[in-house]
Amino acid sequence: MSEEGTKQHLRPARILLVEDNPDDVELVKRVFHRGHVDNSLTVMANGREVLELLVREANRLDRSPFDLLLLDLTLPGLDGRVLLQEIQADKRLRRMPVIVLTGSAREEDWIRAYKTGAVAFLQKPFTLERFLATVGDLYGYRIVIVKDEAL
């Protein structure tokens, strides 16, 4: 396929940050800005509202409305751990990669997150380099920049 044909299938990845702490939202935005990550970043703070949005949009699109979910574990409305379980229970949502962002250093949180379907776990605060290395390990940096429609 020609380079021009390939470019037609690429679009910016849609990223959902689920975080209720305004300071941590700013941390993620600063990391994105510093790394020149210009992807659309949707921010939500309530786990129940996130689940309702994801299910509603998955019903409409028959797939996840986001390409990457950055998830805090401690949320109002619906705990991030439960939200992760609900996402994994829905066949349209479970393909969406989830990176857990948390202040927790508890080993049981790490283990539970991975067992429940998280693809990575970042302890806050984190640096641009750590974030990009984590995402890069998963997608060769591609998801931060663009998402291939064929995937």
Protein backbone atom coordinates (compact mmCIF):
# COMPACT_ATOMS: atom_id res chain seq x y z
CA MET A 1 0.00 0.00 0.00
CA SER A 2 1.28 3.48 -0.81
CA GLU A 3 2.20 5.93 1.92
CA GLU A 4 -0.68 8.14 0.84
CA GLY A 5 -3.15 5.25 1.12
CA THR A 6 -1.87 4.44 4.58
CA LYS A 7 -2.29 8.01 5.82
CA GLN A 8 -5.98 7.95 4.95
CA HIS A 9 -6.54 5.31 7.65
CA LEU A 10 -4.77 7.18 10.42
CA ARG A 11 -6.50 9.44 12.90
CA PRO A 12 -5.55 10.80 16.30
CA ALA A 13 -6.15 8.34 19.10
CA ARG A 14 -8.96 9.26 21.48
CA ILE A 15 -7.83 9.23 25.11
CA LEU A 16 -10.06 9.21 28.18
CA LEU A 17 -8.56 10.25 31.52
CA VAL A 18 -10.66 9.18 34.49
CA GLU A 19 -9.32 11.17 37.42
CA ASP A 20 -11.07 13.08 40.20
CA ASN A 21 -8.05 14.97 41.57
CA PRO A 22 -7.56 18.29 39.72
CA ASP A 23 -3.82 18.29 40.55
CA ASP A 24 -3.39 14.88 38.93
CA VAL A 25 -5.39 15.99 35.88
CA GLU A 26 -2.96 18.89 35.55
CA LEU A 27 -0.02 16.47 35.92
CA VAL A 28 -1.26 14.40 32.99
CA LYS A 29 -1.90 17.51 30.90
CA ARG A 30 1.62 18.80 31.66
CA VAL A 31 3.13 15.45 30.72
CA PHE A 32 1.16 15.46 27.45
CA HIS A 33 2.14 19.07 26.71
CA ARG A 34 5.80 18.45 27.46
CA GLY A 35 5.76 15.39 25.23
CA HIS A 36 3.93 17.24 22.42
CA VAL A 37 1.07 14.76 22.71
CA ASP A 38 -1.69 16.69 20.98
CA ASN A 39 -4.34 14.00 21.10
CA SER A 40 -7.80 14.87 22.29
CA LEU A 41 -7.97 14.22 26.02
CA THR A 42 -11.41 13.79 27.54
CA VAL A 43 -11.41 14.11 31.33
CA MET A 44 -14.09 12.66 33.58
CA ALA A 45 -14.09 12.30 37.36
CA ASN A 46 -17.02 10.01 38.24
CA GLY A 47 -16.71 6.27 37.64
CA ARG A 48 -20.46 5.72 37.26
CA GLU A 49 -20.72 8.49 34.64
CA VAL A 50 -17.75 7.02 32.76
CA LEU A 51 -19.36 3.58 32.62
CA GLU A 52 -22.65 5.06 31.43
CA LEU A 53 -20.84 7.02 28.68
CA LEU A 54 -18.78 4.03 27.57
CA VAL A 55 -21.78 1.70 27.38
CA ARG A 56 -23.96 4.28 25.62
CA GLU A 57 -21.29 5.03 23.03
CA ALA A 58 -20.39 1.34 22.59
CA ASN A 59 -24.07 0.63 21.87
CA ARG A 60 -24.08 3.40 19.28
CA LEU A 61 -20.72 2.57 17.66
CA ASP A 62 -20.52 -1.18 18.46
CA ARG A 63 -17.00 -0.54 19.78
CA SER A 64 -15.26 1.50 22.42
CA PRO A 65 -15.46 5.26 21.85
CA PHE A 66 -11.88 5.68 23.13
CA ASP A 67 -8.56 4.17 22.09
CA LEU A 68 -6.88 4.46 25.47
CA LEU A 69 -8.20 4.79 29.02
CA LEU A 70 -6.06 6.29 31.77
CA LEU A 71 -7.76 5.22 34.99
CA ASP A 72 -7.36 6.26 38.60
CA LEU A 73 -8.39 3.55 41.05
CA THR A 74 -10.03 5.80 43.64
CA LEU A 75 -13.10 7.49 42.16
CA PRO A 76 -16.47 8.77 43.29
CA GLY A 77 -19.60 7.12 41.96
CA LEU A 78 -17.96 3.84 41.01
CA ASP A 79 -14.53 2.78 42.18
CA GLY A 80 -11.90 2.46 39.44
CA ARG A 81 -11.37 -1.20 40.32
CA VAL A 82 -15.05 -1.95 39.74
CA LEU A 83 -15.07 0.18 36.59
CA LEU A 84 -12.19 -1.87 35.23
CA GLN A 85 -14.14 -5.08 35.92
CA GLU A 86 -17.20 -3.69 34.12
CA ILE A 87 -15.11 -2.69 31.12
CA GLN A 88 -13.59 -6.16 30.89
CA ALA A 89 -17.05 -7.74 31.09
CA ASP A 90 -18.20 -5.90 27.92
CA LYS A 91 -16.82 -7.44 24.71
CA ARG A 92 -16.95 -4.07 22.92
CA LEU A 93 -14.99 -2.28 25.64
CA ARG A 94 -12.45 -4.89 26.71
CA ARG A 95 -10.21 -4.29 23.69
CA MET A 96 -9.65 -0.70 24.87
CA PRO A 97 -6.27 -0.63 26.63
CA VAL A 98 -6.44 0.58 30.22
CA ILE A 99 -3.45 2.08 31.99
CA VAL A 100 -4.00 2.45 35.71
CA LEU A 101 -2.66 5.71 37.15
CA THR A 102 -2.63 5.69 40.92
CA GLY A 103 -0.82 6.94 43.96
CA SER A 104 -1.03 3.48 45.47
CA ALA A 105 2.18 1.53 45.96
CA ARG A 106 0.29 -1.47 47.33
CA GLU A 107 1.28 -4.68 45.58
CA GLU A 108 -2.27 -6.02 45.83
CA ASP A 109 -3.54 -3.04 43.80
CA TRP A 110 -1.00 -3.78 41.06
CA ILE A 111 -1.84 -7.48 41.01
CA ARG A 112 -5.61 -6.89 41.02
CA ALA A 113 -5.37 -4.29 38.25
CA TYR A 114 -3.41 -6.64 36.00
CA LYS A 115 -5.69 -9.58 36.79
CA THR A 116 -8.70 -7.43 35.95
CA GLY A 117 -7.38 -6.41 32.56
CA ALA A 118 -5.13 -3.37 32.95
CA VAL A 119 -2.29 -3.44 30.45
CA ALA A 120 -0.02 -1.19 32.52
CA PHE A 121 0.22 0.40 35.93
CA LEU A 122 1.85 3.80 36.58
CA GLN A 123 2.36 5.15 40.06
CA LYS A 124 1.77 8.90 40.44
CA PRO A 125 3.58 11.17 40.15
CA PHE A 126 5.20 9.99 36.95
CA THR A 127 7.42 11.62 34.39
CA LEU A 128 6.98 12.11 30.68
CA GLU A 129 9.70 9.56 30.08
CA ARG A 130 7.99 6.93 32.26
CA PHE A 131 4.61 7.57 30.64
CA LEU A 132 6.00 7.39 27.09
CA ALA A 133 8.00 4.29 27.92
CA THR A 134 4.85 2.59 29.23
CA VAL A 135 2.74 3.56 26.25
CA GLY A 136 5.64 2.87 23.91
CA ASP A 137 6.01 -0.63 25.32
CA LEU A 138 2.37 -1.23 24.42
CA TYR A 139 2.12 0.46 21.03
CA GLY A 140 5.49 1.64 19.84
CA TYR A 141 4.28 5.19 20.63
CA ARG A 142 1.70 4.96 17.85
CA ILE A 143 -1.36 5.27 20.07
CA VAL A 144 -0.09 8.55 21.50
CA ILE A 145 0.19 10.02 18.04
CA VAL A 146 -2.27 8.26 15.76
CA LYS A 147 -4.55 5.26 15.69
CA ASP A 148 -4.84 3.02 12.64
CA GLU A 149 -8.52 2.65 11.73
CA ALA A 150 -7.90 -0.94 10.65
CA LEU A 151 -6.96 -1.99 14.21
